[in-house]
Protein backbone atom coordinates (compact mmCIF):
# COMPACT_ATOMS: atom_id res chain seq x y z
CA MET A 1 0.00 0.00 0.00
CA ASN A 2 1.37 3.43 -0.91
CA GLU A 3 1.59 6.13 1.73
CA ALA A 4 -1.23 8.40 0.52
CA SER A 5 -3.78 5.59 0.27
CA LYS A 6 -3.42 4.82 3.99
CA ALA A 7 -5.66 7.84 4.70
CA GLY A 8 -8.57 6.24 2.85
CA THR A 9 -10.54 7.61 -0.07
CA PHE A 10 -13.48 9.88 -0.83
CA ARG A 11 -15.42 10.86 -3.91
CA LEU A 12 -14.49 14.04 -5.77
CA GLY A 13 -17.11 14.45 -8.43
CA ASP A 14 -17.26 11.12 -10.23
CA ARG A 15 -13.69 10.22 -9.27
CA THR A 16 -12.35 8.52 -6.16
CA VAL A 17 -9.22 10.10 -4.72
CA ASN A 18 -6.98 9.40 -1.77
CA ARG A 19 -7.84 11.73 1.09
CA MET A 20 -4.20 12.77 1.41
CA GLY A 21 -3.50 15.09 -1.52
CA TYR A 22 -1.02 17.83 -2.32
CA GLY A 23 -1.28 21.60 -2.73
CA ALA A 24 1.10 23.13 -5.28
CA MET A 25 1.01 26.76 -4.10
CA GLN A 26 4.40 26.66 -2.35
CA LEU A 27 6.17 25.56 -5.52
CA ALA A 28 6.17 29.14 -6.81
CA GLY A 29 8.69 31.75 -5.64
CA PRO A 30 8.50 33.89 -2.47
CA GLN A 31 5.00 35.27 -1.78
CA VAL A 32 3.73 32.71 -4.34
CA TYR A 33 5.16 34.97 -7.03
CA GLY A 34 7.62 34.23 -9.78
CA PRO A 35 9.56 31.02 -10.37
CA PRO A 36 11.10 28.89 -7.63
CA LYS A 37 14.79 29.19 -6.86
CA ASP A 38 15.26 25.55 -7.94
CA PRO A 39 12.71 24.38 -10.54
CA GLN A 40 14.16 20.87 -10.61
CA ALA A 41 13.56 20.53 -6.86
CA ALA A 42 9.93 21.57 -7.42
CA ILE A 43 9.58 18.96 -10.16
CA ALA A 44 11.07 16.34 -7.83
CA VAL A 45 8.43 17.14 -5.19
CA LEU A 46 5.60 16.68 -7.70
CA ARG A 47 6.98 13.37 -8.94
CA GLU A 48 7.54 12.14 -5.38
CA ALA A 49 3.94 13.07 -4.52
CA VAL A 50 2.54 10.99 -7.37
CA ASP A 51 4.96 8.12 -6.68
CA SER A 52 3.71 8.14 -3.07
CA GLY A 53 0.12 7.59 -4.20
CA ILE A 54 -1.17 11.15 -4.19
CA ASN A 55 -3.77 11.44 -6.93
CA HIS A 56 -5.34 14.80 -6.00
CA ILE A 57 -3.28 17.93 -6.70
CA ASP A 58 -4.59 21.41 -6.00
CA THR A 59 -3.25 24.31 -8.07
CA SER A 60 -4.17 27.58 -9.78
CA ASP A 61 -2.86 29.54 -12.71
CA PHE A 62 -2.65 32.63 -10.47
CA TYR A 63 0.06 30.90 -8.44
CA GLY A 64 3.14 32.51 -9.87
CA PRO A 65 1.21 33.43 -12.01
CA HIS A 66 1.37 30.46 -14.39
CA VAL A 67 4.33 28.96 -12.52
CA THR A 68 2.81 26.00 -10.68
CA ASN A 69 0.71 24.83 -13.61
CA ARG A 70 3.72 24.85 -15.89
CA LEU A 71 5.75 22.92 -13.33
CA ILE A 72 2.95 20.36 -13.00
CA ARG A 73 2.87 19.99 -16.77
CA GLU A 74 6.65 19.57 -17.02
CA ALA A 75 6.78 17.08 -14.15
CA LEU A 76 3.72 14.96 -14.79
CA HIS A 77 2.39 15.34 -18.35
CA PRO A 78 1.06 13.09 -19.82
CA TYR A 79 -0.96 12.66 -16.67
CA ALA A 80 -1.79 9.34 -15.03
CA ASP A 81 -5.37 8.21 -15.56
CA ASP A 82 -6.15 8.38 -11.84
CA LEU A 83 -4.68 11.86 -11.26
CA VAL A 84 -7.24 14.57 -10.47
CA ILE A 85 -5.91 18.11 -10.87
CA VAL A 86 -8.12 20.73 -9.23
CA THR A 87 -7.60 24.37 -10.13
CA LYS A 88 -9.25 27.63 -9.14
CA VAL A 89 -10.13 30.95 -10.73
CA GLY A 90 -11.19 34.32 -9.38
CA ALA A 91 -7.94 36.14 -8.61
CA SER A 92 -5.00 37.68 -10.43
CA ARG A 93 -1.54 38.89 -9.44
CA GLY A 94 -0.18 42.40 -9.72
CA ALA A 95 3.37 43.26 -10.74
CA ASP A 96 4.02 43.99 -7.06
CA ALA A 97 2.97 40.41 -6.14
CA SER A 98 -0.39 41.69 -4.84
CA TRP A 99 -3.48 39.47 -4.86
CA ASN A 100 -6.34 41.10 -6.77
CA PRO A 101 -9.91 40.10 -7.59
CA ALA A 102 -10.58 38.80 -11.11
CA GLN A 103 -14.27 38.10 -10.69
CA ARG A 104 -15.92 39.40 -13.84
CA PRO A 105 -17.32 36.61 -16.03
CA ALA A 106 -14.95 37.52 -18.86
CA GLU A 107 -11.99 37.27 -16.48
CA LEU A 108 -13.13 33.85 -15.31
CA VAL A 109 -13.46 32.61 -18.89
CA SER A 110 -9.96 33.87 -19.66
CA ALA A 111 -8.59 32.19 -16.53
CA VAL A 112 -10.12 28.84 -17.48
CA HIS A 113 -8.42 29.03 -20.87
CA ASP A 114 -5.12 29.94 -19.17
CA ASN A 115 -5.42 26.83 -16.99
CA LEU A 116 -6.24 24.63 -19.97
CA ARG A 117 -3.25 25.92 -21.90
CA ASN A 118 -0.70 25.82 -19.10
CA LEU A 119 -1.73 22.39 -17.82
CA ARG A 120 -2.00 21.19 -21.44
CA VAL A 121 -5.40 19.53 -21.09
CA ASP A 122 -8.57 19.68 -23.17
CA VAL A 123 -10.86 19.71 -20.15
CA LEU A 124 -10.27 20.73 -16.53
CA GLU A 125 -11.33 18.04 -14.06
CA VAL A 126 -12.46 20.43 -11.29
CA VAL A 127 -12.52 24.23 -11.26
CA ASN A 128 -13.15 26.02 -7.98
CA PHE A 129 -14.56 29.51 -8.07
CA ARG A 130 -12.51 31.45 -5.52
CA ALA A 131 -14.92 34.05 -4.16
CA TRP A 132 -13.44 37.27 -2.84
CA GLY A 133 -13.31 38.49 0.74
CA ASN A 134 -9.77 38.34 2.07
CA MET A 135 -6.93 35.84 2.26
CA HIS A 136 -8.49 34.01 5.21
CA ALA A 137 -12.26 34.54 5.15
CA PRO A 138 -15.16 34.91 2.70
CA GLY A 139 -17.31 37.97 2.25
CA GLU A 140 -21.05 38.18 1.87
CA GLY A 141 -22.64 38.80 -1.52
CA SER A 142 -24.03 37.07 -4.57
CA ILE A 143 -21.85 34.80 -6.69
CA GLU A 144 -24.60 34.09 -9.22
CA ALA A 145 -23.00 35.83 -12.23
CA GLN A 146 -19.61 34.24 -11.65
CA PHE A 147 -20.81 30.70 -11.04
CA THR A 148 -23.23 30.94 -13.97
CA ALA A 149 -20.31 31.83 -16.26
CA LEU A 150 -18.39 28.77 -15.09
CA ALA A 151 -21.46 26.56 -15.43
CA GLU A 152 -21.68 27.67 -19.08
CA LEU A 153 -18.07 26.58 -19.63
CA GLN A 154 -19.00 23.28 -18.04
CA ARG A 155 -21.85 22.89 -20.52
CA GLN A 156 -19.37 23.62 -23.32
CA GLY A 157 -17.24 20.71 -22.14
CA LEU A 158 -14.23 22.72 -20.91
CA ILE A 159 -14.85 21.89 -17.23
CA ARG A 160 -15.96 18.52 -15.88
CA HIS A 161 -16.88 19.52 -12.31
CA LEU A 162 -17.31 22.74 -10.34
CA GLY A 163 -16.35 23.62 -6.80
CA LEU A 164 -16.12 26.64 -4.53
CA SER A 165 -13.43 28.29 -2.47
CA ASN A 166 -13.56 30.92 0.28
CA VAL A 167 -17.36 30.93 0.47
CA THR A 168 -20.13 31.18 3.03
CA ALA A 169 -22.74 28.48 3.59
CA GLN A 170 -25.31 30.75 1.92
CA GLN A 171 -23.11 31.07 -1.17
CA VAL A 172 -22.82 27.28 -1.35
CA VAL A 173 -26.61 27.02 -1.47
CA GLN A 174 -26.78 29.72 -4.14
CA ALA A 175 -24.21 27.94 -6.30
CA GLN A 176 -26.02 24.62 -5.93
CA GLY A 177 -29.06 26.25 -7.47
CA ILE A 178 -26.99 26.86 -10.60
CA ALA A 179 -24.90 23.68 -10.95
CA ASP A 180 -23.66 20.74 -8.93
CA VAL A 181 -20.90 21.51 -6.45
CA VAL A 182 -18.40 18.69 -5.84
CA CYS A 183 -16.13 20.35 -3.27
CA VAL A 184 -15.78 23.36 -1.01
CA GLN A 185 -12.34 24.71 -0.16
CA ASN A 186 -12.27 27.03 2.86
CA HIS A 187 -9.91 28.11 5.62
CA TYR A 188 -10.12 25.48 8.34
CA ASN A 189 -7.75 23.86 10.81
CA LEU A 190 -7.50 22.85 14.47
CA SER A 191 -7.55 26.46 15.65
CA HIS A 192 -9.94 27.87 13.02
CA ARG A 193 -13.19 25.89 13.04
CA ASP A 194 -15.87 28.27 11.78
CA ASP A 195 -17.10 25.73 9.22
CA GLU A 196 -18.12 22.89 11.54
CA GLN A 197 -21.78 22.96 10.50
CA LEU A 198 -20.91 23.37 6.82
CA ILE A 199 -18.56 20.35 6.90
CA ALA A 200 -21.29 18.20 8.42
CA LYS A 201 -23.90 19.39 5.93
CA LEU A 202 -21.61 18.74 2.97
CA GLY A 203 -20.76 15.31 4.35
CA LYS A 204 -24.42 14.34 4.33
CA GLN A 205 -24.56 15.36 0.67
CA GLY A 206 -21.43 13.39 -0.22
CA ILE A 207 -19.51 16.59 -1.00
CA ALA A 208 -15.80 16.93 -0.23
CA TYR A 209 -14.53 19.64 2.09
CA VAL A 210 -10.94 20.69 1.41
CA PRO A 211 -9.36 22.88 4.10
CA PHE A 212 -6.78 25.38 2.98
CA PHE A 213 -4.12 26.42 5.49
CA PRO A 214 -4.61 23.01 7.22
CA MET A 215 -1.41 23.61 9.19
CA GLY A 216 -1.89 27.34 9.65
CA GLY A 217 -0.68 28.61 6.29
CA PHE A 218 1.82 31.46 6.27
CA THR A 219 1.81 31.40 10.10
CA PRO A 220 2.15 27.76 11.23
CA LEU A 221 -0.17 26.58 13.98
CA GLN A 222 1.11 27.36 17.46
CA SER A 223 -0.62 25.54 20.31
CA GLN A 224 0.75 24.28 23.58
CA THR A 225 -1.83 21.48 23.56
CA LEU A 226 -0.95 20.47 20.00
CA SER A 227 2.76 20.38 20.84
CA SER A 228 2.16 18.43 24.05
CA VAL A 229 0.00 15.77 22.39
CA ALA A 230 2.42 15.49 19.46
CA GLU A 231 5.32 14.87 21.83
CA ARG A 232 3.42 12.10 23.59
CA LEU A 233 2.60 10.46 20.25
CA GLY A 234 6.13 10.84 18.93
CA THR A 235 5.19 12.99 15.96
CA SER A 236 5.46 16.64 14.92
CA PRO A 237 2.73 19.18 15.77
CA LEU A 238 2.02 19.86 12.11
CA CYS A 239 1.69 16.18 11.22
CA LEU A 240 -0.64 15.79 14.17
CA ALA A 241 -2.72 18.70 12.88
CA LEU A 242 -3.13 16.84 9.58
CA ALA A 243 -4.00 13.59 11.33
CA TRP A 244 -6.62 15.42 13.39
CA LEU A 245 -8.28 16.70 10.22
CA LEU A 246 -8.41 13.22 8.69
CA GLN A 247 -9.97 11.83 11.85
CA HIS A 248 -12.35 14.77 12.33
CA ALA A 249 -14.67 14.16 9.34
CA PRO A 250 -14.65 11.51 6.59
CA ASN A 251 -15.39 14.03 3.81
CA ILE A 252 -12.26 16.11 4.54
CA LEU A 253 -9.61 15.92 1.81
CA LEU A 254 -6.16 17.28 2.62
CA ILE A 255 -3.91 19.31 0.33
CA PRO A 256 -0.90 20.29 2.48
CA GLY A 257 1.71 22.10 0.45
CA THR A 258 5.48 22.00 0.55
CA SER A 259 8.46 22.62 -1.72
CA SER A 260 10.54 19.94 0.03
CA VAL A 261 10.59 16.19 -0.64
CA THR A 262 11.57 15.61 2.99
CA HIS A 263 8.64 17.66 4.27
CA LEU A 264 6.30 15.92 1.82
CA ARG A 265 7.31 12.54 3.22
CA GLU A 266 6.79 13.83 6.74
CA ASN A 267 3.28 15.04 5.87
CA LEU A 268 2.47 11.63 4.43
CA THR A 269 3.11 9.99 7.79
CA ALA A 270 -0.14 11.57 8.98
CA SER A 271 -2.05 9.32 6.57
CA ASP A 272 -2.40 6.42 9.00
CA ARG A 273 -1.81 8.18 12.31
CA VAL A 274 -4.60 7.23 14.71
CA ILE A 275 -5.14 9.62 17.62
CA PRO A 276 -6.40 7.80 20.75
CA ALA A 277 -9.78 8.95 22.06
CA ASP A 278 -8.42 10.63 25.18
CA LEU A 279 -5.84 12.65 23.25
CA LEU A 280 -8.38 13.43 20.55
CA ALA A 281 -10.66 14.91 23.22
CA GLU A 282 -7.74 16.96 24.50
CA LEU A 283 -7.15 18.40 21.05
CA GLU A 284 -10.85 19.07 20.48
CA ALA A 285 -10.93 21.13 23.67
CA ALA A 286 -7.86 23.18 22.73
């Protein structure tokens, strides 16, 4: 059994993927902008991920921009039949590395074509609409025009499945009135649990929930309880944070990112880490 498959599987659209996936954001340069210092090291991470059984990779053409998708293409194309590449649209990058909204329907259409070209595919398996707000939390407001534009591209055969990122529960319901939603990608981890009810609701519908910043993101999780439990279990706090997510809800899919093969292998050890009930309760109360 490969490492990633030890975490079990879940449905993502009409595909079954290992719950331990990989997020490609950190393969770009500093601030997720420009090329990496060592492109060959980035390619090695991608190939190691797939060799370890990861068959769900999260990316976006605004990472870099264009950098991570081109690295994925160079490392992995032609893609394995079981590999599901999930991308997202809804943002752009300024020349100063700023993150800017790109939410007009025409911008979303252009972004989809950028992803198709840079990944070198005829159809994108899953496209998440990344609603605006800020880096860590969604904002209120209608997403009807944007999701309708993506649903039209789906009808044209350019997108197989649609998902959402950085959205409220109300926006999920609105999107579901336009087209099927196969996944929701929001900020969620041991110390940021605003989406508890949404995760449960999606689970009942058979919809995947994909937490971004599962280990804290740009500021790694800091918790005395997390560190204490990790020490008792003989693992690292960040690996324990991943294991907690896997144990927390069966519809959670993980996409921890790294630009290091060593760190990737460390993350994979969370795939079959079982947290005893007493320590799990301790973490839940943190």
